[in-house]
All heavy atoms as atom14 arrays in JSON, in Angstrom:
{
  "sequence": "RISGDFFSDAFYLPWTRRNEKTADRTANEIIDYLGLRDVAT",
  "atom14_mask": [
    [1, 1, 1, 1, 1, 1, 1, 1, 1, 1, 1, 0, 0, 0],
    [1, 1, 1, 1, 1, 1, 1, 1, 0, 0, 0, 0, 0, 0],
    [1, 1, 1, 1, 1, 1, 0, 0, 0, 0, 0, 0, 0, 0],
    [1, 1, 1, 1, 0, 0, 0, 0, 0, 0, 0, 0, 0, 0],
    [1, 1, 1, 1, 1, 1, 1, 1, 0, 0, 0, 0, 0, 0],
    [1, 1, 1, 1, 1, 1, 1, 1, 1, 1, 1, 0, 0, 0],
    [1, 1, 1, 1, 1, 1, 1, 1, 1, 1, 1, 0, 0, 0],
    [1, 1, 1, 1, 1, 1, 0, 0, 0, 0, 0, 0, 0, 0],
    [1, 1, 1, 1, 1, 1, 1, 1, 0, 0, 0, 0, 0, 0],
    [1, 1, 1, 1, 1, 0, 0, 0, 0, 0, 0, 0, 0, 0],
    [1, 1, 1, 1, 1, 1, 1, 1, 1, 1, 1, 0, 0, 0],
    [1, 1, 1, 1, 1, 1, 1, 1, 1, 1, 1, 1, 0, 0],
    [1, 1, 1, 1, 1, 1, 1, 1, 0, 0, 0, 0, 0, 0],
    [1, 1, 1, 1, 1, 1, 1, 0, 0, 0, 0, 0, 0, 0],
    [1, 1, 1, 1, 1, 1, 1, 1, 1, 1, 1, 1, 1, 1],
    [1, 1, 1, 1, 1, 1, 1, 0, 0, 0, 0, 0, 0, 0],
    [1, 1, 1, 1, 1, 1, 1, 1, 1, 1, 1, 0, 0, 0],
    [1, 1, 1, 1, 1, 1, 1, 1, 1, 1, 1, 0, 0, 0],
    [1, 1, 1, 1, 1, 1, 1, 1, 0, 0, 0, 0, 0, 0],
    [1, 1, 1, 1, 1, 1, 1, 1, 1, 0, 0, 0, 0, 0],
    [1, 1, 1, 1, 1, 1, 1, 1, 1, 0, 0, 0, 0, 0],
    [1, 1, 1, 1, 1, 1, 1, 0, 0, 0, 0, 0, 0, 0],
    [1, 1, 1, 1, 1, 0, 0, 0, 0, 0, 0, 0, 0, 0],
    [1, 1, 1, 1, 1, 1, 1, 1, 0, 0, 0, 0, 0, 0],
    [1, 1, 1, 1, 1, 1, 1, 1, 1, 1, 1, 0, 0, 0],
    [1, 1, 1, 1, 1, 1, 1, 0, 0, 0, 0, 0, 0, 0],
    [1, 1, 1, 1, 1, 0, 0, 0, 0, 0, 0, 0, 0, 0],
    [1, 1, 1, 1, 1, 1, 1, 1, 0, 0, 0, 0, 0, 0],
    [1, 1, 1, 1, 1, 1, 1, 1, 1, 0, 0, 0, 0, 0],
    [1, 1, 1, 1, 1, 1, 1, 1, 0, 0, 0, 0, 0, 0],
    [1, 1, 1, 1, 1, 1, 1, 1, 0, 0, 0, 0, 0, 0],
    [1, 1, 1, 1, 1, 1, 1, 1, 0, 0, 0, 0, 0, 0],
    [1, 1, 1, 1, 1, 1, 1, 1, 1, 1, 1, 1, 0, 0],
    [1, 1, 1, 1, 1, 1, 1, 1, 0, 0, 0, 0, 0, 0],
    [1, 1, 1, 1, 0, 0, 0, 0, 0, 0, 0, 0, 0, 0],
    [1, 1, 1, 1, 1, 1, 1, 1, 0, 0, 0, 0, 0, 0],
    [1, 1, 1, 1, 1, 1, 1, 1, 1, 1, 1, 0, 0, 0],
    [1, 1, 1, 1, 1, 1, 1, 1, 0, 0, 0, 0, 0, 0],
    [1, 1, 1, 1, 1, 1, 1, 0, 0, 0, 0, 0, 0, 0],
    [1, 1, 1, 1, 1, 0, 0, 0, 0, 0, 0, 0, 0, 0],
    [1, 1, 1, 1, 1, 1, 1, 0, 0, 0, 0, 0, 0, 0]
  ],
  "atom14_positions": [
    [[5.79, -7.69, -96.06], [6.8, -8.47, -96.84], [6.34, -8.65, -98.25], [7.05, -9.35, -99.01], [7.03, -9.8, -96.14], [5.77, -10.53, -95.92], [5.99, -11.71, -94.88], [6.4, -12.94, -95.5], [6.63, -14.07, -94.87], [6.5, -14.13, -93.56], [7.03, -15.14, -95.54], [0.0, 0.0, 0.0], [0.0, 0.0, 0.0], [0.0, 0.0, 0.0]],
    [[5.2, -8.12, -98.61], [4.68, -8.28, -99.98], [4.52, -6.94, -100.64], [3.85, -6.05, -100.12], [3.33, -9.04, -99.97], [3.49, -10.45, -99.39], [2.66, -9.06, -101.33], [2.11, -11.18, -99.22], [0.0, 0.0, 0.0], [0.0, 0.0, 0.0], [0.0, 0.0, 0.0], [0.0, 0.0, 0.0], [0.0, 0.0, 0.0], [0.0, 0.0, 0.0]],
    [[5.12, -6.76, -101.8], [5.08, -5.49, -102.5], [3.82, -5.38, -103.34], [3.27, -6.4, -103.79], [6.32, -5.31, -103.38], [6.39, -6.35, -104.32], [0.0, 0.0, 0.0], [0.0, 0.0, 0.0], [0.0, 0.0, 0.0], [0.0, 0.0, 0.0], [0.0, 0.0, 0.0], [0.0, 0.0, 0.0], [0.0, 0.0, 0.0], [0.0, 0.0, 0.0]],
    [[3.39, -4.15, -103.55], [2.24, -3.95, -104.37], [2.12, -2.44, -104.67], [2.9, -1.64, -104.21], [0.0, 0.0, 0.0], [0.0, 0.0, 0.0], [0.0, 0.0, 0.0], [0.0, 0.0, 0.0], [0.0, 0.0, 0.0], [0.0, 0.0, 0.0], [0.0, 0.0, 0.0], [0.0, 0.0, 0.0], [0.0, 0.0, 0.0], [0.0, 0.0, 0.0]],
    [[1.15, -2.1, -105.51], [0.92, -0.68, -105.88], [-0.55, -0.5, -106.19], [-1.28, -1.5, -106.43], [1.81, -0.25, -107.03], [1.61, -1.05, -108.24], [0.56, -0.87, -108.91], [2.42, -1.93, -108.6], [0.0, 0.0, 0.0], [0.0, 0.0, 0.0], [0.0, 0.0, 0.0], [0.0, 0.0, 0.0], [0.0, 0.0, 0.0], [0.0, 0.0, 0.0]],
    [[-0.99, 0.76, -106.24], [-2.4, 1.03, -106.4], [-2.91, 0.5, -107.78], [-3.95, -0.13, -107.85], [-2.64, 2.51, -106.36], [-4.04, 2.92, -106.7], [-5.04, 2.84, -105.68], [-4.38, 3.39, -107.9], [-6.37, 3.16, -105.96], [-5.7, 3.72, -108.2], [-6.72, 3.65, -107.25], [0.0, 0.0, 0.0], [0.0, 0.0, 0.0], [0.0, 0.0, 0.0]],
    [[-2.13, 0.7, -108.88], [-2.6, 0.24, -110.16], [-2.74, -1.24, -110.23], [-3.78, -1.76, -110.69], [-1.56, 0.71, -111.23], [-1.92, 0.34, -112.62], [-2.8, 1.12, -113.36], [-1.46, -0.84, -113.23], [-3.15, 0.73, -114.66], [-1.78, -1.17, -114.5], [-2.66, -0.44, -115.24], [0.0, 0.0, 0.0], [0.0, 0.0, 0.0], [0.0, 0.0, 0.0]],
    [[-1.72, -2.01, -109.74], [-1.79, -3.43, -109.8], [-2.93, -3.98, -108.9], [-3.68, -4.94, -109.37], [-0.48, -4.06, -109.29], [0.56, -3.63, -110.04], [0.0, 0.0, 0.0], [0.0, 0.0, 0.0], [0.0, 0.0, 0.0], [0.0, 0.0, 0.0], [0.0, 0.0, 0.0], [0.0, 0.0, 0.0], [0.0, 0.0, 0.0], [0.0, 0.0, 0.0]],
    [[-3.15, -3.42, -107.79], [-4.19, -3.92, -106.9], [-5.56, -3.55, -107.46], [-6.5, -4.35, -107.37], [-4.06, -3.3, -105.46], [-2.78, -3.78, -104.78], [-2.24, -4.78, -105.2], [-2.37, -3.15, -103.78], [0.0, 0.0, 0.0], [0.0, 0.0, 0.0], [0.0, 0.0, 0.0], [0.0, 0.0, 0.0], [0.0, 0.0, 0.0], [0.0, 0.0, 0.0]],
    [[-5.68, -2.37, -108.01], [-6.99, -1.96, -108.57], [-7.47, -2.81, -109.75], [-8.65, -3.13, -109.83], [-6.95, -0.46, -108.99], [0.0, 0.0, 0.0], [0.0, 0.0, 0.0], [0.0, 0.0, 0.0], [0.0, 0.0, 0.0], [0.0, 0.0, 0.0], [0.0, 0.0, 0.0], [0.0, 0.0, 0.0], [0.0, 0.0, 0.0], [0.0, 0.0, 0.0]],
    [[-6.5, -3.28, -110.57], [-6.84, -4.09, -111.72], [-6.63, -5.55, -111.46], [-6.74, -6.33, -112.43], [-6.07, -3.59, -112.92], [-6.56, -2.24, -113.47], [-5.98, -1.05, -113.04], [-7.61, -2.16, -114.35], [-6.38, 0.14, -113.53], [-8.1, -0.97, -114.82], [-7.53, 0.2, -114.37], [0.0, 0.0, 0.0], [0.0, 0.0, 0.0], [0.0, 0.0, 0.0]],
    [[-6.26, -5.85, -110.28], [-6.11, -7.32, -109.86], [-5.16, -8.03, -110.82], [-5.51, -9.08, -111.43], [-7.44, -7.96, -109.71], [-7.45, -9.2, -108.81], [-6.93, -9.09, -107.56], [-7.9, -10.47, -109.27], [-6.88, -10.21, -106.7], [-7.89, -11.51, -108.47], [-7.34, -11.4, -107.15], [-7.4, -12.53, -106.38], [0.0, 0.0, 0.0], [0.0, 0.0, 0.0]],
    [[-4.03, -7.42, -111.08], [-3.03, -8.01, -112.08], [-2.48, -9.38, -111.48], [-2.62, -9.66, -110.31], [-1.95, -7.04, -112.35], [-2.44, -5.72, -112.98], [-1.21, -4.81, -113.24], [-3.19, -5.97, -114.28], [0.0, 0.0, 0.0], [0.0, 0.0, 0.0], [0.0, 0.0, 0.0], [0.0, 0.0, 0.0], [0.0, 0.0, 0.0], [0.0, 0.0, 0.0]],
    [[-1.81, -10.11, -112.4], [-1.34, -11.44, -112.0], [-0.5, -11.45, -110.71], [-0.62, -12.37, -109.91], [-0.6, -11.93, -113.16], [-1.21, -11.31, -114.36], [-1.63, -9.89, -113.81], [0.0, 0.0, 0.0], [0.0, 0.0, 0.0], [0.0, 0.0, 0.0], [0.0, 0.0, 0.0], [0.0, 0.0, 0.0], [0.0, 0.0, 0.0], [0.0, 0.0, 0.0]],
    [[0.42, -10.45, -110.6], [1.3, -10.51, -109.43], [0.49, -10.19, -108.16], [0.92, -10.56, -107.08], [2.47, -9.61, -109.62], [2.24, -8.23, -110.14], [1.89, -7.13, -109.42], [2.3, -7.86, -111.51], [1.7, -6.06, -110.25], [1.97, -6.48, -111.55], [2.55, -8.52, -112.74], [1.94, -5.74, -112.76], [2.54, -7.83, -113.9], [2.21, -6.48, -113.9]],
    [[-0.59, -9.38, -108.27], [-1.48, -9.19, -107.11], [-2.06, -10.54, -106.65], [-2.14, -10.78, -105.49], [-2.6, -8.15, -107.46], [-1.95, -6.88, -107.84], [-3.48, -7.95, -106.27], [0.0, 0.0, 0.0], [0.0, 0.0, 0.0], [0.0, 0.0, 0.0], [0.0, 0.0, 0.0], [0.0, 0.0, 0.0], [0.0, 0.0, 0.0], [0.0, 0.0, 0.0]],
    [[-2.49, -11.32, -107.66], [-3.08, -12.62, -107.3], [-2.01, -13.51, -106.65], [-2.31, -14.25, -105.69], [-3.71, -13.3, -108.48], [-4.93, -12.57, -109.06], [-5.65, -13.39, -110.04], [-4.98, -13.56, -111.29], [-4.99, -12.74, -112.31], [-5.74, -11.61, -112.2], [-4.35, -12.95, -113.42], [0.0, 0.0, 0.0], [0.0, 0.0, 0.0], [0.0, 0.0, 0.0]],
    [[-0.82, -13.41, -107.18], [0.3, -14.24, -106.57], [0.55, -13.79, -105.12], [0.79, -14.59, -104.24], [1.54, -14.12, -107.42], [1.48, -14.98, -108.7], [2.84, -15.11, -109.33], [3.4, -13.87, -109.73], [3.27, -13.31, -110.96], [2.46, -13.9, -111.82], [3.91, -12.21, -111.25], [0.0, 0.0, 0.0], [0.0, 0.0, 0.0], [0.0, 0.0, 0.0]],
    [[0.52, -12.46, -104.93], [0.76, -11.9, -103.56], [-0.35, -12.41, -102.6], [-0.01, -12.73, -101.46], [0.76, -10.41, -103.6], [2.12, -9.82, -104.15], [3.04, -10.51, -104.26], [2.05, -8.55, -104.48], [0.0, 0.0, 0.0], [0.0, 0.0, 0.0], [0.0, 0.0, 0.0], [0.0, 0.0, 0.0], [0.0, 0.0, 0.0], [0.0, 0.0, 0.0]],
    [[-1.56, -12.42, -103.04], [-2.64, -12.92, -102.16], [-2.46, -14.36, -101.84], [-2.67, -14.77, -100.71], [-3.98, -12.72, -102.84], [-4.46, -11.27, -102.89], [-5.94, -11.15, -103.38], [-6.57, -12.18, -103.61], [-6.44, -10.01, -103.28], [0.0, 0.0, 0.0], [0.0, 0.0, 0.0], [0.0, 0.0, 0.0], [0.0, 0.0, 0.0], [0.0, 0.0, 0.0]],
    [[-2.03, -15.18, -102.75], [-1.8, -16.6, -102.51], [-0.63, -16.8, -101.54], [-0.76, -17.64, -100.64], [-1.53, -17.35, -103.82], [-2.76, -17.51, -104.7], [-2.41, -18.29, -105.94], [-3.63, -18.4, -106.89], [-3.34, -19.09, -108.15], [0.0, 0.0, 0.0], [0.0, 0.0, 0.0], [0.0, 0.0, 0.0], [0.0, 0.0, 0.0], [0.0, 0.0, 0.0]],
    [[0.36, -15.95, -101.66], [1.48, -16.03, -100.73], [1.06, -15.62, -99.37], [1.44, -16.25, -98.35], [2.63, -15.07, -101.24], [3.11, -15.5, -102.54], [3.8, -15.11, -100.22], [0.0, 0.0, 0.0], [0.0, 0.0, 0.0], [0.0, 0.0, 0.0], [0.0, 0.0, 0.0], [0.0, 0.0, 0.0], [0.0, 0.0, 0.0], [0.0, 0.0, 0.0]],
    [[0.26, -14.56, -99.23], [-0.23, -14.17, -97.98], [-1.11, -15.23, -97.3], [-0.97, -15.52, -96.09], [-1.05, -12.86, -98.09], [0.0, 0.0, 0.0], [0.0, 0.0, 0.0], [0.0, 0.0, 0.0], [0.0, 0.0, 0.0], [0.0, 0.0, 0.0], [0.0, 0.0, 0.0], [0.0, 0.0, 0.0], [0.0, 0.0, 0.0], [0.0, 0.0, 0.0]],
    [[-1.92, -15.84, -98.1], [-2.79, -16.91, -97.59], [-1.98, -18.16, -97.07], [-2.19, -18.67, -95.96], [-3.82, -17.46, -98.57], [-4.93, -16.48, -98.83], [-5.22, -15.63, -97.85], [-5.56, -16.53, -99.89], [0.0, 0.0, 0.0], [0.0, 0.0, 0.0], [0.0, 0.0, 0.0], [0.0, 0.0, 0.0], [0.0, 0.0, 0.0], [0.0, 0.0, 0.0]],
    [[-0.97, -18.43, -97.87], [-0.12, -19.64, -97.51], [0.68, -19.37, -96.19], [0.74, -20.18, -95.32], [0.81, -19.87, -98.7], [1.68, -21.18, -98.49], [2.37, -21.6, -99.76], [3.17, -20.52, -100.34], [2.85, -19.87, -101.48], [1.78, -20.15, -102.1], [3.66, -18.95, -101.9], [0.0, 0.0, 0.0], [0.0, 0.0, 0.0], [0.0, 0.0, 0.0]],
    [[1.22, -18.13, -96.15], [1.98, -17.78, -94.99], [1.11, -17.72, -93.71], [1.46, -18.26, -92.65], [2.64, -16.34, -95.15], [3.54, -16.39, -96.31], [3.43, -15.93, -93.94], [0.0, 0.0, 0.0], [0.0, 0.0, 0.0], [0.0, 0.0, 0.0], [0.0, 0.0, 0.0], [0.0, 0.0, 0.0], [0.0, 0.0, 0.0], [0.0, 0.0, 0.0]],
    [[-0.08, -17.04, -93.81], [-0.93, -16.93, -92.69], [-1.4, -18.35, -92.19], [-1.41, -18.6, -90.97], [-2.15, -16.03, -92.98], [0.0, 0.0, 0.0], [0.0, 0.0, 0.0], [0.0, 0.0, 0.0], [0.0, 0.0, 0.0], [0.0, 0.0, 0.0], [0.0, 0.0, 0.0], [0.0, 0.0, 0.0], [0.0, 0.0, 0.0], [0.0, 0.0, 0.0]],
    [[-1.73, -19.2, -93.13], [-2.18, -20.49, -92.69], [-1.09, -21.35, -92.09], [-1.36, -22.09, -91.17], [-2.85, -21.19, -93.94], [-4.27, -20.8, -94.2], [-5.17, -21.13, -93.39], [-4.45, -20.05, -95.28], [0.0, 0.0, 0.0], [0.0, 0.0, 0.0], [0.0, 0.0, 0.0], [0.0, 0.0, 0.0], [0.0, 0.0, 0.0], [0.0, 0.0, 0.0]],
    [[0.1, -21.23, -92.59], [1.22, -21.91, -91.97], [1.43, -21.54, -90.5], [1.64, -22.34, -89.66], [2.5, -21.69, -92.84], [3.72, -22.54, -92.34], [4.52, -21.81, -91.28], [4.62, -20.57, -91.35], [4.99, -22.45, -90.3], [0.0, 0.0, 0.0], [0.0, 0.0, 0.0], [0.0, 0.0, 0.0], [0.0, 0.0, 0.0], [0.0, 0.0, 0.0]],
    [[1.37, -20.2, -90.3], [1.59, -19.69, -88.94], [0.41, -20.09, -87.99], [0.64, -20.4, -86.87], [1.84, -18.16, -88.98], [3.19, -17.87, -89.67], [1.89, -17.57, -87.56], [3.39, -16.44, -89.97], [0.0, 0.0, 0.0], [0.0, 0.0, 0.0], [0.0, 0.0, 0.0], [0.0, 0.0, 0.0], [0.0, 0.0, 0.0], [0.0, 0.0, 0.0]],
    [[-0.74, -20.01, -88.52], [-1.9, -20.4, -87.76], [-1.85, -21.86, -87.34], [-2.06, -22.22, -86.16], [-3.25, -20.22, -88.58], [-3.61, -18.69, -88.54], [-4.32, -21.06, -88.06], [-4.77, -18.35, -89.44], [0.0, 0.0, 0.0], [0.0, 0.0, 0.0], [0.0, 0.0, 0.0], [0.0, 0.0, 0.0], [0.0, 0.0, 0.0], [0.0, 0.0, 0.0]],
    [[-1.33, -22.76, -88.19], [-1.11, -24.11, -87.84], [0.0, -24.25, -86.8], [-0.08, -25.06, -85.91], [-0.81, -25.02, -89.06], [-2.05, -25.22, -89.95], [-3.13, -25.16, -89.41], [-1.84, -25.42, -91.19], [0.0, 0.0, 0.0], [0.0, 0.0, 0.0], [0.0, 0.0, 0.0], [0.0, 0.0, 0.0], [0.0, 0.0, 0.0], [0.0, 0.0, 0.0]],
    [[1.05, -23.49, -87.0], [2.23, -23.58, -86.14], [1.91, -23.19, -84.71], [2.38, -23.8, -83.76], [3.34, -22.6, -86.73], [4.61, -22.59, -85.95], [5.47, -23.69, -85.96], [4.91, -21.54, -85.06], [6.68, -23.64, -85.25], [6.07, -21.52, -84.38], [6.93, -22.55, -84.43], [8.12, -22.55, -83.67], [0.0, 0.0, 0.0], [0.0, 0.0, 0.0]],
    [[1.04, -22.21, -84.49], [0.65, -21.75, -83.2], [-0.61, -22.37, -82.71], [-1.14, -22.0, -81.68], [0.51, -20.24, -83.21], [1.87, -19.44, -83.37], [1.6, -17.99, -83.33], [2.85, -19.82, -82.25], [0.0, 0.0, 0.0], [0.0, 0.0, 0.0], [0.0, 0.0, 0.0], [0.0, 0.0, 0.0], [0.0, 0.0, 0.0], [0.0, 0.0, 0.0]],
    [[-1.1, -23.44, -83.41], [-2.27, -24.16, -82.84], [-3.58, -23.33, -82.91], [-4.38, -23.53, -82.03], [0.0, 0.0, 0.0], [0.0, 0.0, 0.0], [0.0, 0.0, 0.0], [0.0, 0.0, 0.0], [0.0, 0.0, 0.0], [0.0, 0.0, 0.0], [0.0, 0.0, 0.0], [0.0, 0.0, 0.0], [0.0, 0.0, 0.0], [0.0, 0.0, 0.0]],
    [[-3.77, -22.57, -83.83], [-4.98, -21.67, -84.0], [-5.96, -22.17, -85.07], [-6.89, -21.48, -85.39], [-4.57, -20.23, -84.29], [-3.86, -19.52, -83.15], [-3.21, -18.19, -83.67], [-4.79, -19.2, -82.0], [0.0, 0.0, 0.0], [0.0, 0.0, 0.0], [0.0, 0.0, 0.0], [0.0, 0.0, 0.0], [0.0, 0.0, 0.0], [0.0, 0.0, 0.0]],
    [[-5.74, -23.37, -85.63], [-6.57, -23.8, -86.79], [-8.0, -23.87, -86.41], [-8.87, -23.51, -87.2], [-6.08, -25.22, -87.2], [-6.88, -25.84, -88.37], [-7.11, -24.95, -89.53], [-5.83, -24.53, -90.08], [-5.76, -23.51, -90.99], [-6.77, -22.85, -91.32], [-4.58, -23.16, -91.46], [0.0, 0.0, 0.0], [0.0, 0.0, 0.0], [0.0, 0.0, 0.0]],
    [[-8.4, -24.33, -85.17], [-9.71, -24.47, -84.8], [-10.47, -23.21, -84.74], [-11.75, -23.16, -84.79], [-9.86, -25.22, -83.44], [-9.46, -26.68, -83.57], [-9.34, -27.18, -84.69], [-9.27, -27.35, -82.49], [0.0, 0.0, 0.0], [0.0, 0.0, 0.0], [0.0, 0.0, 0.0], [0.0, 0.0, 0.0], [0.0, 0.0, 0.0], [0.0, 0.0, 0.0]],
    [[-9.8, -22.06, -84.6], [-10.48, -20.81, -84.47], [-10.12, -19.83, -85.63], [-10.38, -18.63, -85.61], [-10.12, -20.06, -83.16], [-10.6, -20.9, -81.97], [-8.61, -19.88, -83.01], [0.0, 0.0, 0.0], [0.0, 0.0, 0.0], [0.0, 0.0, 0.0], [0.0, 0.0, 0.0], [0.0, 0.0, 0.0], [0.0, 0.0, 0.0], [0.0, 0.0, 0.0]],
    [[-9.59, -20.37, -86.68], [-9.07, -19.58, -87.81], [-10.13, -18.71, -88.44], [-9.89, -17.56, -88.86], [-8.39, -20.4, -88.9], [0.0, 0.0, 0.0], [0.0, 0.0, 0.0], [0.0, 0.0, 0.0], [0.0, 0.0, 0.0], [0.0, 0.0, 0.0], [0.0, 0.0, 0.0], [0.0, 0.0, 0.0], [0.0, 0.0, 0.0], [0.0, 0.0, 0.0]],
    [[-11.39, -19.17, -88.48], [-12.42, -18.42, -89.09], [-13.28, -17.63, -88.09], [-14.23, -16.97, -88.36], [-13.35, -19.36, -89.94], [-13.92, -20.34, -89.01], [-12.62, -20.03, -91.03], [0.0, 0.0, 0.0], [0.0, 0.0, 0.0], [0.0, 0.0, 0.0], [0.0, 0.0, 0.0], [0.0, 0.0, 0.0], [0.0, 0.0, 0.0], [0.0, 0.0, 0.0]]
  ]
}
């Protein structure tokens, strides 16, 4: 659900950083939703 390309990812452009934050936020929300917080790491 997150778009990207080789150039942006290789140079870690701003939208790549935004994509990573979105991925982290989404993953953490679902982990909490399914009761997996204690084993997340």
